[in-house]
Each structure stands twice: as C-alpha cells, then as structure tokens.
N, C-alpha and C. Protein backbone atom coordinates (compact mmCIF):
# COMPACT_ATOMS: atom_id res chain seq x y z
N MET A 1 23.15 34.49 -51.70
CA MET A 1 24.34 35.30 -51.51
C MET A 1 24.00 36.78 -51.73
N GLN A 2 23.11 37.08 -52.67
CA GLN A 2 22.79 38.46 -52.94
C GLN A 2 22.08 39.08 -51.76
N GLY A 3 21.32 38.31 -50.98
CA GLY A 3 20.61 38.76 -49.78
C GLY A 3 21.57 39.26 -48.72
N ILE A 4 22.74 38.53 -48.61
CA ILE A 4 23.71 38.89 -47.61
C ILE A 4 24.35 40.25 -48.04
N GLU A 5 24.68 40.37 -49.33
CA GLU A 5 25.25 41.66 -49.77
C GLU A 5 24.31 42.81 -49.57
N GLN A 6 23.02 42.57 -49.81
CA GLN A 6 22.03 43.61 -49.63
C GLN A 6 21.96 44.00 -48.18
N ALA A 7 22.02 43.01 -47.26
CA ALA A 7 21.97 43.28 -45.81
C ALA A 7 23.20 44.08 -45.35
N LYS A 8 24.32 43.71 -45.92
CA LYS A 8 25.57 44.48 -45.60
C LYS A 8 25.47 45.91 -46.03
N LYS A 9 24.90 46.09 -47.27
CA LYS A 9 24.82 47.45 -47.80
C LYS A 9 23.83 48.30 -46.93
N GLN A 10 22.74 47.64 -46.52
CA GLN A 10 21.72 48.27 -45.70
C GLN A 10 22.34 48.71 -44.33
N ALA A 11 23.08 47.78 -43.75
CA ALA A 11 23.75 48.10 -42.43
C ALA A 11 24.73 49.23 -42.59
N ALA A 12 25.49 49.23 -43.62
CA ALA A 12 26.48 50.30 -43.82
C ALA A 12 25.80 51.65 -44.01
N GLU A 13 24.67 51.67 -44.73
CA GLU A 13 23.91 52.89 -44.84
C GLU A 13 23.35 53.41 -43.58
N GLU A 14 22.85 52.49 -42.72
CA GLU A 14 22.28 52.91 -41.43
C GLU A 14 23.38 53.42 -40.53
N ILE A 15 24.56 52.78 -40.53
CA ILE A 15 25.66 53.24 -39.72
C ILE A 15 26.14 54.67 -40.19
N TRP A 16 26.25 54.80 -41.52
CA TRP A 16 26.66 56.11 -42.03
C TRP A 16 25.65 57.18 -41.67
N LEU A 17 24.36 56.95 -41.83
CA LEU A 17 23.37 57.95 -41.51
C LEU A 17 23.35 58.29 -39.98
N SER A 18 23.52 57.29 -39.15
CA SER A 18 23.60 57.54 -37.71
C SER A 18 24.83 58.39 -37.37
N TYR A 19 25.95 58.07 -37.99
CA TYR A 19 27.14 58.83 -37.76
C TYR A 19 27.03 60.27 -38.23
N PHE A 20 26.48 60.44 -39.42
CA PHE A 20 26.30 61.77 -39.97
C PHE A 20 25.36 62.56 -39.14
N ASN A 21 24.29 61.99 -38.65
CA ASN A 21 23.34 62.61 -37.78
C ASN A 21 24.03 63.14 -36.50
N GLU A 22 24.81 62.28 -35.88
CA GLU A 22 25.51 62.68 -34.68
C GLU A 22 26.55 63.81 -34.91
N GLN A 23 27.23 63.73 -36.05
CA GLN A 23 28.21 64.76 -36.34
C GLN A 23 27.56 66.13 -36.65
N ALA A 24 26.42 66.09 -37.33
CA ALA A 24 25.66 67.28 -37.61
C ALA A 24 25.22 67.89 -36.26
N TYR A 25 24.77 67.11 -35.35
CA TYR A 25 24.37 67.61 -34.07
C TYR A 25 25.58 68.19 -33.29
N ALA A 26 26.67 67.50 -33.30
CA ALA A 26 27.84 67.91 -32.54
C ALA A 26 28.37 69.27 -33.17
N ALA A 27 28.23 69.44 -34.44
CA ALA A 27 28.71 70.67 -35.09
C ALA A 27 27.71 71.83 -34.99
N GLY A 28 26.55 71.50 -34.41
CA GLY A 28 25.53 72.58 -34.21
C GLY A 28 24.70 72.84 -35.45
N LEU A 29 24.75 71.94 -36.42
CA LEU A 29 23.97 72.12 -37.65
C LEU A 29 22.50 71.79 -37.43
N ILE A 30 22.23 70.88 -36.49
CA ILE A 30 20.86 70.49 -36.22
C ILE A 30 20.68 70.58 -34.67
N ASP A 31 19.42 70.76 -34.26
CA ASP A 31 19.17 70.80 -32.80
C ASP A 31 18.85 69.44 -32.30
N GLU A 32 18.71 69.29 -30.99
CA GLU A 32 18.48 67.98 -30.37
C GLU A 32 17.17 67.40 -30.82
N LYS A 33 16.17 68.15 -30.98
CA LYS A 33 14.85 67.67 -31.42
C LYS A 33 14.98 67.01 -32.80
N THR A 34 15.67 67.66 -33.70
CA THR A 34 15.90 67.13 -35.07
C THR A 34 16.73 65.85 -35.04
N ARG A 35 17.77 65.89 -34.18
CA ARG A 35 18.60 64.65 -34.07
C ARG A 35 17.78 63.49 -33.59
N ASN A 36 16.97 63.69 -32.63
CA ASN A 36 16.09 62.64 -32.09
C ASN A 36 15.09 62.17 -33.10
N ARG A 37 14.50 63.08 -33.84
CA ARG A 37 13.53 62.68 -34.86
C ARG A 37 14.20 61.81 -35.93
N ILE A 38 15.45 62.19 -36.29
CA ILE A 38 16.13 61.39 -37.30
C ILE A 38 16.50 59.99 -36.75
N ARG A 39 16.89 59.95 -35.46
CA ARG A 39 17.16 58.60 -34.84
C ARG A 39 15.96 57.70 -34.91
N VAL A 40 14.83 58.24 -34.57
CA VAL A 40 13.57 57.51 -34.59
C VAL A 40 13.32 57.04 -36.00
N ALA A 41 13.49 57.87 -37.00
CA ALA A 41 13.20 57.54 -38.39
C ALA A 41 14.15 56.43 -38.86
N LEU A 42 15.36 56.41 -38.32
CA LEU A 42 16.32 55.32 -38.72
C LEU A 42 15.96 54.03 -38.07
N VAL A 43 15.41 54.02 -36.88
CA VAL A 43 15.08 52.83 -36.16
C VAL A 43 13.75 52.22 -36.58
N ARG A 44 12.81 53.10 -36.89
CA ARG A 44 11.43 52.67 -37.20
C ARG A 44 11.34 51.65 -38.36
N PRO A 45 12.00 51.85 -39.48
CA PRO A 45 11.91 50.85 -40.55
C PRO A 45 12.45 49.45 -40.07
N LYS A 46 13.46 49.45 -39.26
CA LYS A 46 14.01 48.21 -38.75
C LYS A 46 13.04 47.49 -37.88
N ALA A 47 12.33 48.25 -37.08
CA ALA A 47 11.37 47.68 -36.12
C ALA A 47 10.16 47.07 -36.91
N LYS A 48 9.80 47.75 -38.04
CA LYS A 48 8.71 47.25 -38.82
C LYS A 48 9.09 45.91 -39.42
N LYS A 49 10.34 45.74 -39.91
CA LYS A 49 10.81 44.52 -40.52
C LYS A 49 10.77 43.37 -39.53
N GLN A 50 11.06 43.68 -38.25
CA GLN A 50 11.18 42.63 -37.25
C GLN A 50 9.78 42.35 -36.60
N GLY A 51 8.73 43.04 -37.03
CA GLY A 51 7.41 42.80 -36.61
C GLY A 51 7.10 43.40 -35.21
N MET A 52 7.78 44.49 -34.88
CA MET A 52 7.54 45.16 -33.56
C MET A 52 6.37 46.06 -33.64
C-alpha cells in the first residue's frame, strides 16, 4: 500500500514540475533552451527506472 502512495506522490511532483516549467517559459522567465533542458531532466530519471 505504501508503494502506491509513494508512486502517487512521485507522479504529482512530476506533473507539478512540468506545469511549473511550462508556466515559467510562457511568462518569459526562462528561455526555450532552459525549458527543454528541464524537460529532459524530468524524463531522464523515469527512463532509468524503466531500463531504457
């Protein structure tokens, strides 16, 4: 049961960080290069867990 809760928490964090990243880009706080670098950083740990 605790594993499911941890997975939910992880998913919520990833969604929030992705949303925040997009909003920062839309507001002009970060440039496209930075936005893309953050996207990759958010996806990379997930790919490692899945053995990619």
